PDB file of N, CA and C in Angstrom:
ATOM      1  N   UNK A   1     -55.596   2.676  12.215  1.00  0.00           N
ATOM      2  CA  UNK A   1     -54.273   3.088  12.000  1.00  0.00           C
ATOM      3  C   UNK A   1     -53.121   2.485  13.479  1.00  0.00           C
ATOM      4  N   UNK A   2     -51.996   2.428  12.926  1.00  0.00           N
ATOM      5  CA  UNK A   2     -51.373   1.792  14.568  1.00  0.00           C
ATOM      6  C   UNK A   2     -50.170   3.211  14.776  1.00  0.00           C
ATOM      7  N   UNK A   3     -49.723   3.349  15.647  1.00  0.00           N
ATOM      8  CA  UNK A   3     -49.186   4.126  15.786  1.00  0.00           C
ATOM      9  C   UNK A   3     -47.845   4.081  15.928  1.00  0.00           C
ATOM     10  N   UNK A   4     -46.877   4.827  15.264  1.00  0.00           N
ATOM     11  CA  UNK A   4     -45.504   4.138  14.909  1.00  0.00           C
ATOM     12  C   UNK A   4     -44.670   4.740  16.247  1.00  0.00           C
ATOM     13  N   UNK A   5     -44.305   3.511  17.071  1.00  0.00           N
ATOM     14  CA  UNK A   5     -43.251   4.012  18.069  1.00  0.00           C
ATOM     15  C   UNK A   5     -41.707   4.997  17.887  1.00  0.00           C
ATOM     16  N   UNK A   6     -41.004   4.978  18.926  1.00  0.00           N
ATOM     17  CA  UNK A   6     -39.925   5.469  19.221  1.00  0.00           C
ATOM     18  C   UNK A   6     -38.793   5.522  18.194  1.00  0.00           C
ATOM     19  N   UNK A   7     -39.502   3.648  18.835  1.00  0.00           N
ATOM     20  CA  UNK A   7     -37.989   2.643  17.949  1.00  0.00           C
ATOM     21  C   UNK A   7     -37.939   2.538  15.998  1.00  0.00           C
ATOM     22  N   UNK A   8     -39.028   2.714  15.449  1.00  0.00           N
ATOM     23  CA  UNK A   8     -39.499   2.720  14.608  1.00  0.00           C
ATOM     24  C   UNK A   8     -39.481   3.694  13.638  1.00  0.00           C
ATOM     25  N   UNK A   9     -39.411   4.906  14.249  1.00  0.00           N
ATOM     26  CA  UNK A   9     -38.767   6.111  13.405  1.00  0.00           C
ATOM     27  C   UNK A   9     -37.308   6.221  12.994  1.00  0.00           C
ATOM     28  N   UNK A  10     -36.335   6.855  11.863  1.00  0.00           N
ATOM     29  CA  UNK A  10     -35.711   6.862  11.437  1.00  0.00           C
ATOM     30  C   UNK A  10     -34.818   8.146  12.918  1.00  0.00           C
ATOM     31  N   UNK A  11     -33.124   7.196  12.999  1.00  0.00           N
ATOM     32  CA  UNK A  11     -32.567   8.986  13.926  1.00  0.00           C
ATOM     33  C   UNK A  11     -32.119   9.583  12.842  1.00  0.00           C
ATOM     34  N   UNK A  12     -32.188  10.857  12.821  1.00  0.00           N
ATOM     35  CA  UNK A  12     -31.290  11.053  12.002  1.00  0.00           C
ATOM     36  C   UNK A  12     -30.056  11.748  12.697  1.00  0.00           C
ATOM     37  N   UNK A  13     -28.330  11.670  11.932  1.00  0.00           N
ATOM     38  CA  UNK A  13     -27.400  11.427  12.974  1.00  0.00           C
ATOM     39  C   UNK A  13     -27.005  12.789  13.145  1.00  0.00           C
ATOM     40  N   UNK A  14     -27.842  13.772  13.432  1.00  0.00           N
ATOM     41  CA  UNK A  14     -27.370  15.302  13.713  1.00  0.00           C
ATOM     42  C   UNK A  14     -28.593  15.303  15.268  1.00  0.00           C
ATOM     43  N   UNK A  15     -28.945  14.201  15.047  1.00  0.00           N
ATOM     44  CA  UNK A  15     -29.955  14.051  17.317  1.00  0.00           C
ATOM     45  C   UNK A  15     -28.644  12.853  17.557  1.00  0.00           C
ATOM     46  N   UNK A  16     -27.327  12.402  17.270  1.00  0.00           N
ATOM     47  CA  UNK A  16     -27.221  11.344  18.337  1.00  0.00           C
ATOM     48  C   UNK A  16     -25.498  12.305  18.506  1.00  0.00           C
ATOM     49  N   UNK A  17     -25.267  11.448  19.563  1.00  0.00           N
ATOM     50  CA  UNK A  17     -23.520  12.770  19.622  1.00  0.00           C
ATOM     51  C   UNK A  17     -22.608  12.242  18.885  1.00  0.00           C
ATOM     52  N   UNK A  18     -21.583  12.842  19.009  1.00  0.00           N
ATOM     53  CA  UNK A  18     -21.134  13.074  17.611  1.00  0.00           C
ATOM     54  C   UNK A  18     -19.455  12.391  18.514  1.00  0.00           C
ATOM     55  N   UNK A  19     -19.246  11.104  18.321  1.00  0.00           N
ATOM     56  CA  UNK A  19     -17.646  10.343  18.866  1.00  0.00           C
ATOM     57  C   UNK A  19     -17.602  10.398  17.848  1.00  0.00           C
ATOM     58  N   UNK A  20     -15.476  10.098  17.670  1.00  0.00           N
ATOM     59  CA  UNK A  20     -14.180   9.823  17.288  1.00  0.00           C
ATOM     60  C   UNK A  20     -13.627   8.513  16.865  1.00  0.00           C
ATOM     61  N   UNK A  21     -13.959   8.333  15.563  1.00  0.00           N
ATOM     62  CA  UNK A  21     -13.476   6.851  16.101  1.00  0.00           C
ATOM     63  C   UNK A  21     -12.007   7.017  16.145  1.00  0.00           C
ATOM     64  N   UNK A  22     -11.799   6.304  17.080  1.00  0.00           N
ATOM     65  CA  UNK A  22      -9.788   6.472  16.758  1.00  0.00           C
ATOM     66  C   UNK A  22      -9.275   5.866  15.651  1.00  0.00           C
ATOM     67  N   UNK A  23      -7.685   6.389  14.779  1.00  0.00           N
ATOM     68  CA  UNK A  23      -7.334   6.019  13.695  1.00  0.00           C
ATOM     69  C   UNK A  23      -6.422   4.004  14.120  1.00  0.00           C
ATOM     70  N   UNK A  24      -6.042   3.414  14.172  1.00  0.00           N
ATOM     71  CA  UNK A  24      -5.184   2.425  13.970  1.00  0.00           C
ATOM     72  C   UNK A  24      -3.337   2.939  13.867  1.00  0.00           C
ATOM     73  N   UNK A  25      -2.675   2.618  13.992  1.00  0.00           N
ATOM     74  CA  UNK A  25      -1.300   2.591  13.383  1.00  0.00           C
ATOM     75  C   UNK A  25      -1.220   2.776  11.875  1.00  0.00           C
ATOM     76  N   UNK A  26      -1.661   1.311  11.735  1.00  0.00           N
ATOM     77  CA  UNK A  26      -1.334   1.533  10.243  1.00  0.00           C
ATOM     78  C   UNK A  26      -2.452   2.458   9.020  1.00  0.00           C
ATOM     79  N   UNK A  27      -3.999   2.944   9.373  1.00  0.00           N
ATOM     80  CA  UNK A  27      -5.065   3.719   8.929  1.00  0.00           C
ATOM     81  C   UNK A  27      -3.947   5.869   9.181  1.00  0.00           C
ATOM     82  N   UNK A  28      -3.123   5.597  10.349  1.00  0.00           N
ATOM     83  CA  UNK A  28      -2.737   7.105  10.716  1.00  0.00           C
ATOM     84  C   UNK A  28      -1.043   6.745   9.505  1.00  0.00           C
ATOM     85  N   UNK A  29      -0.523   5.724   9.269  1.00  0.00           N
ATOM     86  CA  UNK A  29       0.590   5.869   8.576  1.00  0.00           C
ATOM     87  C   UNK A  29      -0.120   5.919   6.852  1.00  0.00           C
ATOM     88  N   UNK A  30      -1.383   5.506   6.594  1.00  0.00           N
ATOM     89  CA  UNK A  30      -1.743   5.064   5.190  1.00  0.00           C
ATOM     90  C   UNK A  30      -1.967   6.885   5.078  1.00  0.00           C
ATOM     91  N   UNK A  31      -2.239   7.184   6.268  1.00  0.00           N
ATOM     92  CA  UNK A  31      -2.850   8.965   5.814  1.00  0.00           C
ATOM     93  C   UNK A  31      -1.234   9.549   5.670  1.00  0.00           C
ATOM     94  N   UNK A  32      -0.167   9.724   6.260  1.00  0.00           N
ATOM     95  CA  UNK A  32       0.432  10.310   6.210  1.00  0.00           C
ATOM     96  C   UNK A  32       1.488   9.515   4.779  1.00  0.00           C
ATOM     97  N   UNK A  33       1.933   8.417   4.159  1.00  0.00           N
ATOM     98  CA  UNK A  33       1.916   7.913   3.268  1.00  0.00           C
ATOM     99  C   UNK A  33       1.253   8.964   2.299  1.00  0.00           C
ATOM    100  N   UNK A  34       0.585   9.262   2.364  1.00  0.00           N
ATOM    101  CA  UNK A  34      -0.913   9.545   1.245  1.00  0.00           C
ATOM    102  C   UNK A  34      -0.767  10.941   0.805  1.00  0.00           C
ATOM    103  N   UNK A  35      -0.124  11.946   2.114  1.00  0.00           N
ATOM    104  CA  UNK A  35       0.538  12.812   2.231  1.00  0.00           C
ATOM    105  C   UNK A  35       1.622  13.605   1.262  1.00  0.00           C
ATOM    106  N   UNK A  36       2.645  12.462   1.580  1.00  0.00           N
ATOM    107  CA  UNK A  36       3.705  12.177   1.564  1.00  0.00           C
ATOM    108  C   UNK A  36       3.105  12.435  -0.289  1.00  0.00           C
ATOM    109  N   UNK A  37       2.687  11.616  -0.497  1.00  0.00           N
ATOM    110  CA  UNK A  37       3.168  11.112  -1.998  1.00  0.00           C
ATOM    111  C   UNK A  37       2.409  12.138  -3.050  1.00  0.00           C
ATOM    112  N   UNK A  38       1.236  12.570  -2.190  1.00  0.00           N
ATOM    113  CA  UNK A  38       1.027  14.224  -2.942  1.00  0.00           C
ATOM    114  C   UNK A  38       1.745  15.300  -3.335  1.00  0.00           C
ATOM    115  N   UNK A  39       1.885  15.324  -1.917  1.00  0.00           N
ATOM    116  CA  UNK A  39       3.032  16.989  -2.010  1.00  0.00           C
ATOM    117  C   UNK A  39       3.821  16.432  -2.796  1.00  0.00           C
ATOM    118  N   UNK A  40       4.499  15.186  -3.076  1.00  0.00           N
ATOM    119  CA  UNK A  40       5.972  15.040  -3.797  1.00  0.00           C
ATOM    120  C   UNK A  40       5.390  15.091  -5.201  1.00  0.00           C
ATOM    121  N   UNK A  41       3.950  14.416  -5.640  1.00  0.00           N
ATOM    122  CA  UNK A  41       3.852  15.086  -7.175  1.00  0.00           C
ATOM    123  C   UNK A  41       3.336  16.154  -6.959  1.00  0.00           C
ATOM    124  N   UNK A  42       3.242  16.816  -6.595  1.00  0.00           N
ATOM    125  CA  UNK A  42       2.836  18.162  -6.542  1.00  0.00           C
ATOM    126  C   UNK A  42       3.999  19.108  -7.226  1.00  0.00           C
ATOM    127  N   UNK A  43       4.641  18.315  -5.978  1.00  0.00           N
ATOM    128  CA  UNK A  43       6.112  19.419  -6.048  1.00  0.00           C
ATOM    129  C   UNK A  43       7.293  18.857  -7.721  1.00  0.00           C
ATOM    130  N   UNK A  44       6.501  17.910  -8.235  1.00  0.00           N
ATOM    131  CA  UNK A  44       7.690  17.953  -9.299  1.00  0.00           C
ATOM    132  C   UNK A  44       6.779  18.701 -10.432  1.00  0.00           C
ATOM    133  N   UNK A  45       5.000  17.767 -10.473  1.00  0.00           N
ATOM    134  CA  UNK A  45       4.068  19.366 -11.012  1.00  0.00           C
ATOM    135  C   UNK A  45       4.739  20.747 -11.257  1.00  0.00           C
ATOM    136  N   UNK A  46       5.409  21.103 -10.329  1.00  0.00           N
ATOM    137  CA  UNK A  46       5.606  22.488 -10.183  1.00  0.00           C
ATOM    138  C   UNK A  46       6.838  23.477 -10.350  1.00  0.00           C
ATOM    139  N   UNK A  47       7.803  21.584 -10.471  1.00  0.00           N
ATOM    140  CA  UNK A  47       9.465  21.741 -11.026  1.00  0.00           C
ATOM    141  C   UNK A  47       9.509  21.919 -12.818  1.00  0.00           C
ATOM    142  N   UNK A  48       8.133  21.475 -13.210  1.00  0.00           N
ATOM    143  CA  UNK A  48       7.795  20.812 -14.561  1.00  0.00           C
ATOM    144  C   UNK A  48       7.880  22.237 -15.408  1.00  0.00           C
ATOM    145  N   UNK A  49       7.074  22.843 -14.221  1.00  0.00           N
ATOM    146  CA  UNK A  49       6.104  24.409 -14.824  1.00  0.00           C
ATOM    147  C   UNK A  49       6.942  24.964 -14.382  1.00  0.00           C
ATOM    148  N   UNK A  50       7.998  25.105 -13.419  1.00  0.00           N
ATOM    149  CA  UNK A  50       8.993  26.244 -13.754  1.00  0.00           C
ATOM    150  C   UNK A  50       9.842  25.892 -15.034  1.00  0.00           C
ATOM    151  N   UNK A  51      10.305  24.743 -14.992  1.00  0.00           N
ATOM    152  CA  UNK A  51      11.076  24.285 -16.204  1.00  0.00           C
ATOM    153  C   UNK A  51      10.156  25.329 -17.985  1.00  0.00           C
ATOM    154  N   UNK A  52       9.376  24.375 -17.518  1.00  0.00           N
ATOM    155  CA  UNK A  52       8.498  25.302 -18.918  1.00  0.00           C
ATOM    156  C   UNK A  52       8.533  26.316 -18.983  1.00  0.00           C
ATOM    157  N   UNK A  53       7.999  27.152 -17.577  1.00  0.00           N
ATOM    158  CA  UNK A  53       7.980  28.464 -17.687  1.00  0.00           C
ATOM    159  C   UNK A  53       9.119  29.465 -18.821  1.00  0.00           C
ATOM    160  N   UNK A  54       9.981  28.668 -17.941  1.00  0.00           N
ATOM    161  CA  UNK A  54      12.197  29.454 -17.708  1.00  0.00           C
ATOM    162  C   UNK A  54      12.423  29.378 -19.652  1.00  0.00           C
ATOM    163  N   UNK A  55      11.617  27.643 -19.931  1.00  0.00           N
ATOM    164  CA  UNK A  55      11.892  27.041 -21.295  1.00  0.00           C
ATOM    165  C   UNK A  55      11.739  28.951 -22.446  1.00  0.00           C
ATOM    166  N   UNK A  56      10.015  28.680 -22.241  1.00  0.00           N
ATOM    167  CA  UNK A  56       9.028  30.022 -23.164  1.00  0.00           C
ATOM    168  C   UNK A  56      10.056  30.888 -22.785  1.00  0.00           C
ATOM    169  N   UNK A  57      10.698  31.197 -21.697  1.00  0.00           N
ATOM    170  CA  UNK A  57      11.426  33.044 -21.557  1.00  0.00           C
ATOM    171  C   UNK A  57      11.988  33.044 -22.547  1.00  0.00           C
ATOM    172  N   UNK A  58      12.619  31.773 -22.014  1.00  0.00           N
ATOM    173  CA  UNK A  58      14.224  32.193 -23.417  1.00  0.00           C
ATOM    174  C   UNK A  58      13.755  32.300 -24.764  1.00  0.00           C
ATOM    175  N   UNK A  59      12.336  31.645 -25.343  1.00  0.00           N
ATOM    176  CA  UNK A  59      12.053  31.738 -26.471  1.00  0.00           C
ATOM    177  C   UNK A  59      11.627  33.078 -26.808  1.00  0.00           C
ATOM    178  N   UNK A  60      11.713  33.802 -25.487  1.00  0.00           N
ATOM    179  CA  UNK A  60      10.607  35.060 -26.043  1.00  0.00           C
ATOM    180  C   UNK A  60      12.030  36.089 -25.871  1.00  0.00           C
ATOM    181  N   UNK A  61      13.398  35.681 -24.804  1.00  0.00           N
ATOM    182  CA  UNK A  61      14.287  36.457 -24.720  1.00  0.00           C
ATOM    183  C   UNK A  61      15.001  36.285 -26.086  1.00  0.00           C
ATOM    184  N   UNK A  62      15.018  34.965 -26.817  1.00  0.00           N
ATOM    185  CA  UNK A  62      15.905  34.611 -28.133  1.00  0.00           C
ATOM    186  C   UNK A  62      15.142  35.351 -29.576  1.00  0.00           C
ATOM    187  N   UNK A  63      13.919  36.170 -29.629  1.00  0.00           N
ATOM    188  CA  UNK A  63      13.460  36.142 -30.191  1.00  0.00           C
ATOM    189  C   UNK A  63      12.527  35.285 -31.475  1.00  0.00           C
ATOM    190  N   UNK A  64      12.095  34.063 -30.559  1.00  0.00           N
ATOM    191  CA  UNK A  64      11.671  32.897 -31.861  1.00  0.00           C
ATOM    192  C   UNK A  64      10.378  33.371 -31.957  1.00  0.00           C
ATOM    193  N   UNK A  65      10.093  32.870 -33.127  1.00  0.00           N
ATOM    194  CA  UNK A  65       8.410  33.154 -33.201  1.00  0.00           C
ATOM    195  C   UNK A  65       7.955  31.807 -33.539  1.00  0.00           C
ATOM    196  N   UNK A  66       6.495  32.172 -33.303  1.00  0.00           N
ATOM    197  CA  UNK A  66       6.003  30.767 -32.554  1.00  0.00           C
ATOM    198  C   UNK A  66       5.563  30.079 -34.556  1.00  0.00           C
ATOM    199  N   UNK A  67       5.045  28.639 -34.602  1.00  0.00           N
ATOM    200  CA  UNK A  67       5.158  28.332 -35.174  1.00  0.00           C
ATOM    201  C   UNK A  67       4.222  28.887 -36.310  1.00  0.00           C
ATOM    202  N   UNK A  68       4.186  29.000 -37.523  1.00  0.00           N
ATOM    203  CA  UNK A  68       3.112  29.898 -38.828  1.00  0.00           C
ATOM    204  C   UNK A  68       1.880  28.999 -39.479  1.00  0.00           C
ATOM    205  N   UNK A  69       2.564  27.469 -38.928  1.00  0.00           N
ATOM    206  CA  UNK A  69       1.671  26.027 -39.939  1.00  0.00           C
ATOM    207  C   UNK A  69       1.546  25.762 -38.413  1.00  0.00           C
ATOM    208  N   UNK A  70       0.337  24.974 -38.594  1.00  0.00           N
ATOM    209  CA  UNK A  70      -0.244  24.265 -37.600  1.00  0.00           C
ATOM    210  C   UNK A  70       0.546  22.841 -37.463  1.00  0.00           C
ATOM    211  N   UNK A  71       0.889  22.414 -36.351  1.00  0.00           N
ATOM    212  CA  UNK A  71       2.534  21.530 -36.100  1.00  0.00           C
ATOM    213  C   UNK A  71       0.520  20.197 -36.632  1.00  0.00           C
ATOM    214  N   UNK A  72       1.472  19.013 -36.841  1.00  0.00           N
ATOM    215  CA  UNK A  72       0.930  17.166 -36.990  1.00  0.00           C
ATOM    216  C   UNK A  72       1.596  16.466 -36.782  1.00  0.00           C
ATOM    217  N   UNK A  73       0.660  15.212 -36.870  1.00  0.00           N
ATOM    218  CA  UNK A  73       1.454  14.395 -35.504  1.00  0.00           C
ATOM    219  C   UNK A  73       1.572  13.072 -37.041  1.00  0.00           C
ATOM    220  N   UNK A  74       0.645  13.330 -37.647  1.00  0.00           N
ATOM    221  CA  UNK A  74       1.050  13.377 -39.144  1.00  0.00           C
ATOM    222  C   UNK A  74       1.791  13.896 -40.197  1.00  0.00           C
ATOM    223  N   UNK A  75       2.709  12.439 -40.646  1.00  0.00           N
ATOM    224  CA  UNK A  75       3.802  13.384 -42.333  1.00  0.00           C
ATOM    225  C   UNK A  75       2.878  13.696 -43.242  1.00  0.00           C
ATOM    226  N   UNK A  76       3.569  14.511 -43.545  1.00  0.00           N
ATOM    227  CA  UNK A  76       3.167  15.121 -45.025  1.00  0.00           C
ATOM    228  C   UNK A  76       3.039  13.492 -45.992  1.00  0.00           C
ATOM    229  N   UNK A  77       2.050  12.942 -46.861  1.00  0.00           N
ATOM    230  CA  UNK A  77       2.146  12.623 -48.148  1.00  0.00           C
ATOM    231  C   UNK A  77       1.736  11.226 -47.403  1.00  0.00           C
ATOM    232  N   UNK A  78       1.633   9.738 -48.238  1.00  0.00           N
ATOM    233  CA  UNK A  78       1.271   8.583 -48.219  1.00  0.00           C
ATOM    234  C   UNK A  78       1.639   7.970 -47.024  1.00  0.00           C
ATOM    235  N   UNK A  79       0.511   7.130 -46.419  1.00  0.00           N
ATOM    236  CA  UNK A  79       1.218   6.207 -45.363  1.00  0.00           C
ATOM    237  C   UNK A  79       1.817   4.951 -45.843  1.00  0.00           C
ATOM    238  N   UNK A  80       2.647   5.083 -45.423  1.00  0.00           N
ATOM    239  CA  UNK A  80       3.303   2.976 -45.666  1.00  0.00           C
ATOM    240  C   UNK A  80       2.687   1.759 -46.148  1.00  0.00           C
ATOM    241  N   UNK A  81       2.362   0.954 -46.750  1.00  0.00           N
ATOM    242  CA  UNK A  81       2.152   0.019 -46.954  1.00  0.00           C
ATOM    243  C   UNK A  81       2.689  -0.427 -45.741  1.00  0.00           C
ATOM    244  N   UNK A  82       1.544  -1.650 -45.105  1.00  0.00           N
ATOM    245  CA  UNK A  82       2.164  -2.268 -44.238  1.00  0.00           C
ATOM    246  C   UNK A  82       1.822  -3.280 -44.174  1.00  0.00           C
ATOM    247  N   UNK A  83       2.434  -4.566 -44.345  1.00  0.00           N
ATOM    248  CA  UNK A  83       1.592  -6.642 -44.217  1.00  0.00           C
ATOM    249  C   UNK A  83       0.672  -6.399 -43.577  1.00  0.00           C
ATOM    250  N   UNK A  84       0.003  -7.267 -43.560  1.00  0.00           N
ATOM    251  CA  UNK A  84      -1.390  -7.322 -42.729  1.00  0.00           C
ATOM    252  C   UNK A  84      -0.916  -8.464 -41.247  1.00  0.00           C
ATOM    253  N   UNK A  85      -0.556  -8.394 -40.445  1.00  0.00           N
ATOM    254  CA  UNK A  85       0.237  -9.545 -39.982  1.00  0.00           C
ATOM    255  C   UNK A  85      -1.252 -10.672 -38.698  1.00  0.00           C
ATOM    256  N   UNK A  86      -0.946 -11.931 -38.975  1.00  0.00           N
ATOM    257  CA  UNK A  86      -2.514 -12.815 -38.112  1.00  0.00           C
ATOM    258  C   UNK A  86      -2.320 -12.021 -37.024  1.00  0.00           C
ATOM    259  N   UNK A  87      -3.147 -12.659 -35.988  1.00  0.00           N
ATOM    260  CA  UNK A  87      -3.401 -11.962 -34.454  1.00  0.00           C
ATOM    261  C   UNK A  87      -2.627 -13.238 -33.600  1.00  0.00           C
ATOM    262  N   UNK A  88      -2.143 -12.733 -32.815  1.00  0.00           N
ATOM    263  CA  UNK A  88      -1.440 -14.007 -31.741  1.00  0.00           C
ATOM    264  C   UNK A  88      -2.158 -14.911 -31.544  1.00  0.00           C
ATOM    265  N   UNK A  89      -2.075 -16.241 -31.546  1.00  0.00           N
ATOM    266  CA  UNK A  89      -2.381 -17.202 -30.628  1.00  0.00           C
ATOM    267  C   UNK A  89      -2.369 -17.517 -29.265  1.00  0.00           C
ATOM    268  N   UNK A  90      -3.444 -16.851 -28.557  1.00  0.00           N
ATOM    269  CA  UNK A  90      -3.206 -17.769 -26.642  1.00  0.00           C
ATOM    270  C   UNK A  90      -2.417 -18.813 -26.426  1.00  0.00           C
TER     271      UNK A  90
END
């Protein structure tokens, strides 16, 4: 049997000293712009939620009843007959 040397055994990351990698200017700017984008996106969602809440509160105040039948994306009746079109040629 061969004995394993110190270089053959894997080294656990916790056993190594911690080193902080420095960000480049471009990397730091990327993180800043990403944070700004996330903040703007969350702000837009929050504003849409405010509008939605105020709309439903207005409906509650005016005593508008909810739909009595389920809404459907398809109109009632038979669908229209459409001519079959050929596939476009590249």
